Amino acid sequence: MEITKELVECVGLWLAEGDNKTNQEITFTNNCLELILFFQENISNVYFGKNKPR
């Protein structure tokens, strides 16, 4: 796994929300569509790779 600037930003966004709702999931509850899409794209790339869409 490559640690990119975008991944670090996603971790920062996730931590800023204070995620304590789930044990084995990454949840991101924000109402800004741009941030949601940014988070989804970058986290998906980490778990599934750029060429392996869900």
N, C-alpha and C. Protein backbone atom coordinates (compact mmCIF):
# COMPACT_ATOMS: atom_id res chain seq x y z
N MET A 1 0.85 -1.17 0.00
CA MET A 1 0.00 0.00 0.00
C MET A 1 0.89 1.23 0.00
N GLU A 2 0.59 2.13 -0.89
CA GLU A 2 1.32 3.38 -0.99
C GLU A 2 0.59 4.45 -0.17
N ILE A 3 1.32 5.14 0.70
CA ILE A 3 0.72 6.21 1.49
C ILE A 3 0.85 7.50 0.68
N THR A 4 -0.30 8.00 0.25
CA THR A 4 -0.33 9.20 -0.57
C THR A 4 -0.85 10.37 0.25
N LYS A 5 -0.68 11.55 -0.30
CA LYS A 5 -1.21 12.76 0.34
C LYS A 5 -2.72 12.65 0.49
N GLU A 6 -3.38 12.12 -0.52
CA GLU A 6 -4.84 11.98 -0.49
C GLU A 6 -5.28 11.01 0.61
N LEU A 7 -4.55 9.92 0.78
CA LEU A 7 -4.89 8.96 1.82
C LEU A 7 -4.72 9.60 3.19
N VAL A 8 -3.68 10.36 3.38
CA VAL A 8 -3.46 11.05 4.65
C VAL A 8 -4.59 12.04 4.92
N GLU A 9 -5.04 12.75 3.89
CA GLU A 9 -6.16 13.67 4.05
C GLU A 9 -7.43 12.92 4.46
N CYS A 10 -7.66 11.75 3.87
CA CYS A 10 -8.83 10.95 4.22
C CYS A 10 -8.77 10.50 5.68
N VAL A 11 -7.61 10.08 6.13
CA VAL A 11 -7.45 9.67 7.53
C VAL A 11 -7.72 10.85 8.45
N GLY A 12 -7.23 12.03 8.08
CA GLY A 12 -7.49 13.23 8.86
C GLY A 12 -8.97 13.57 8.94
N LEU A 13 -9.66 13.46 7.80
CA LEU A 13 -11.10 13.71 7.79
C LEU A 13 -11.84 12.70 8.67
N TRP A 14 -11.44 11.45 8.58
CA TRP A 14 -12.07 10.39 9.36
C TRP A 14 -11.85 10.60 10.86
N LEU A 15 -10.62 10.93 11.24
CA LEU A 15 -10.32 11.18 12.65
C LEU A 15 -11.04 12.42 13.17
N ALA A 16 -11.16 13.44 12.33
CA ALA A 16 -11.82 14.67 12.74
C ALA A 16 -13.29 14.44 13.08
N GLU A 17 -13.89 13.44 12.46
CA GLU A 17 -15.28 13.13 12.75
C GLU A 17 -15.45 12.37 14.05
N GLY A 18 -14.35 11.87 14.60
CA GLY A 18 -14.43 11.14 15.86
C GLY A 18 -15.18 9.84 15.73
N ASP A 19 -14.82 9.04 14.74
CA ASP A 19 -15.54 7.79 14.48
C ASP A 19 -15.41 6.84 15.66
N ASN A 20 -16.51 6.63 16.34
CA ASN A 20 -16.55 5.63 17.42
C ASN A 20 -17.84 4.81 17.33
N LYS A 21 -18.46 4.84 16.16
CA LYS A 21 -19.75 4.16 15.97
C LYS A 21 -19.59 2.71 15.55
N THR A 22 -18.48 2.38 14.94
CA THR A 22 -18.31 1.03 14.40
C THR A 22 -16.98 0.45 14.84
N ASN A 23 -16.90 -0.87 14.83
CA ASN A 23 -15.66 -1.54 15.23
C ASN A 23 -14.83 -2.01 14.04
N GLN A 24 -15.50 -2.47 12.98
CA GLN A 24 -14.78 -3.06 11.87
C GLN A 24 -15.13 -2.42 10.54
N GLU A 25 -15.52 -1.16 10.57
CA GLU A 25 -15.88 -0.43 9.36
C GLU A 25 -15.24 0.95 9.41
N ILE A 26 -15.11 1.52 8.24
CA ILE A 26 -14.73 2.92 8.14
C ILE A 26 -15.98 3.68 7.74
N THR A 27 -16.43 4.57 8.61
CA THR A 27 -17.62 5.36 8.28
C THR A 27 -17.21 6.82 8.13
N PHE A 28 -17.83 7.45 7.19
CA PHE A 28 -17.58 8.87 6.93
C PHE A 28 -18.92 9.52 6.71
N THR A 29 -19.37 10.30 7.67
CA THR A 29 -20.69 10.93 7.57
C THR A 29 -20.51 12.43 7.49
N ASN A 30 -20.51 12.91 6.30
CA ASN A 30 -20.32 14.33 6.04
C ASN A 30 -21.40 14.75 5.05
N ASN A 31 -21.77 16.01 5.05
CA ASN A 31 -22.82 16.43 4.13
C ASN A 31 -22.28 17.19 2.92
N CYS A 32 -20.97 17.23 2.77
CA CYS A 32 -20.35 17.89 1.62
C CYS A 32 -20.08 16.82 0.54
N LEU A 33 -20.81 16.89 -0.56
CA LEU A 33 -20.69 15.87 -1.61
C LEU A 33 -19.27 15.77 -2.14
N GLU A 34 -18.59 16.88 -2.28
CA GLU A 34 -17.21 16.87 -2.78
C GLU A 34 -16.30 16.06 -1.86
N LEU A 35 -16.44 16.23 -0.55
CA LEU A 35 -15.62 15.47 0.40
C LEU A 35 -15.99 14.00 0.40
N ILE A 36 -17.27 13.71 0.29
CA ILE A 36 -17.73 12.31 0.26
C ILE A 36 -17.12 11.59 -0.94
N LEU A 37 -17.20 12.21 -2.11
CA LEU A 37 -16.66 11.59 -3.32
C LEU A 37 -15.14 11.45 -3.25
N PHE A 38 -14.46 12.46 -2.69
CA PHE A 38 -13.02 12.40 -2.50
C PHE A 38 -12.65 11.23 -1.59
N PHE A 39 -13.36 11.11 -0.47
CA PHE A 39 -13.11 10.04 0.49
C PHE A 39 -13.35 8.67 -0.14
N GLN A 40 -14.48 8.53 -0.82
CA GLN A 40 -14.83 7.25 -1.44
C GLN A 40 -13.79 6.83 -2.47
N GLU A 41 -13.40 7.75 -3.33
CA GLU A 41 -12.44 7.42 -4.38
C GLU A 41 -11.10 6.97 -3.80
N ASN A 42 -10.61 7.70 -2.82
CA ASN A 42 -9.29 7.40 -2.28
C ASN A 42 -9.27 6.18 -1.38
N ILE A 43 -10.30 5.98 -0.59
CA ILE A 43 -10.36 4.78 0.25
C ILE A 43 -10.57 3.54 -0.63
N SER A 44 -11.39 3.66 -1.66
CA SER A 44 -11.60 2.53 -2.57
C SER A 44 -10.30 2.14 -3.26
N ASN A 45 -9.48 3.11 -3.62
CA ASN A 45 -8.20 2.81 -4.26
C ASN A 45 -7.29 2.03 -3.32
N VAL A 46 -7.36 2.30 -2.03
CA VAL A 46 -6.53 1.59 -1.06
C VAL A 46 -6.98 0.14 -0.95
N TYR A 47 -8.29 -0.08 -0.83
CA TYR A 47 -8.80 -1.43 -0.60
C TYR A 47 -8.94 -2.26 -1.87
N PHE A 48 -9.30 -1.62 -2.97
CA PHE A 48 -9.62 -2.38 -4.17
C PHE A 48 -8.71 -2.09 -5.34
N GLY A 49 -7.81 -1.15 -5.21
CA GLY A 49 -6.94 -0.78 -6.32
C GLY A 49 -7.68 0.03 -7.37
N LYS A 50 -6.94 0.73 -8.18
CA LYS A 50 -7.56 1.60 -9.19
C LYS A 50 -8.29 0.81 -10.26
N ASN A 51 -7.87 -0.44 -10.49
CA ASN A 51 -8.45 -1.22 -11.57
C ASN A 51 -9.40 -2.30 -11.08
N LYS A 52 -9.81 -2.22 -9.82
CA LYS A 52 -10.70 -3.24 -9.27
C LYS A 52 -11.91 -2.58 -8.62
N PRO A 53 -12.82 -2.03 -9.40
CA PRO A 53 -13.99 -1.39 -8.79
C PRO A 53 -14.89 -2.40 -8.12
N ARG A 54 -15.62 -1.95 -7.14
CA ARG A 54 -16.58 -2.81 -6.43
C ARG A 54 -17.77 -3.08 -7.28
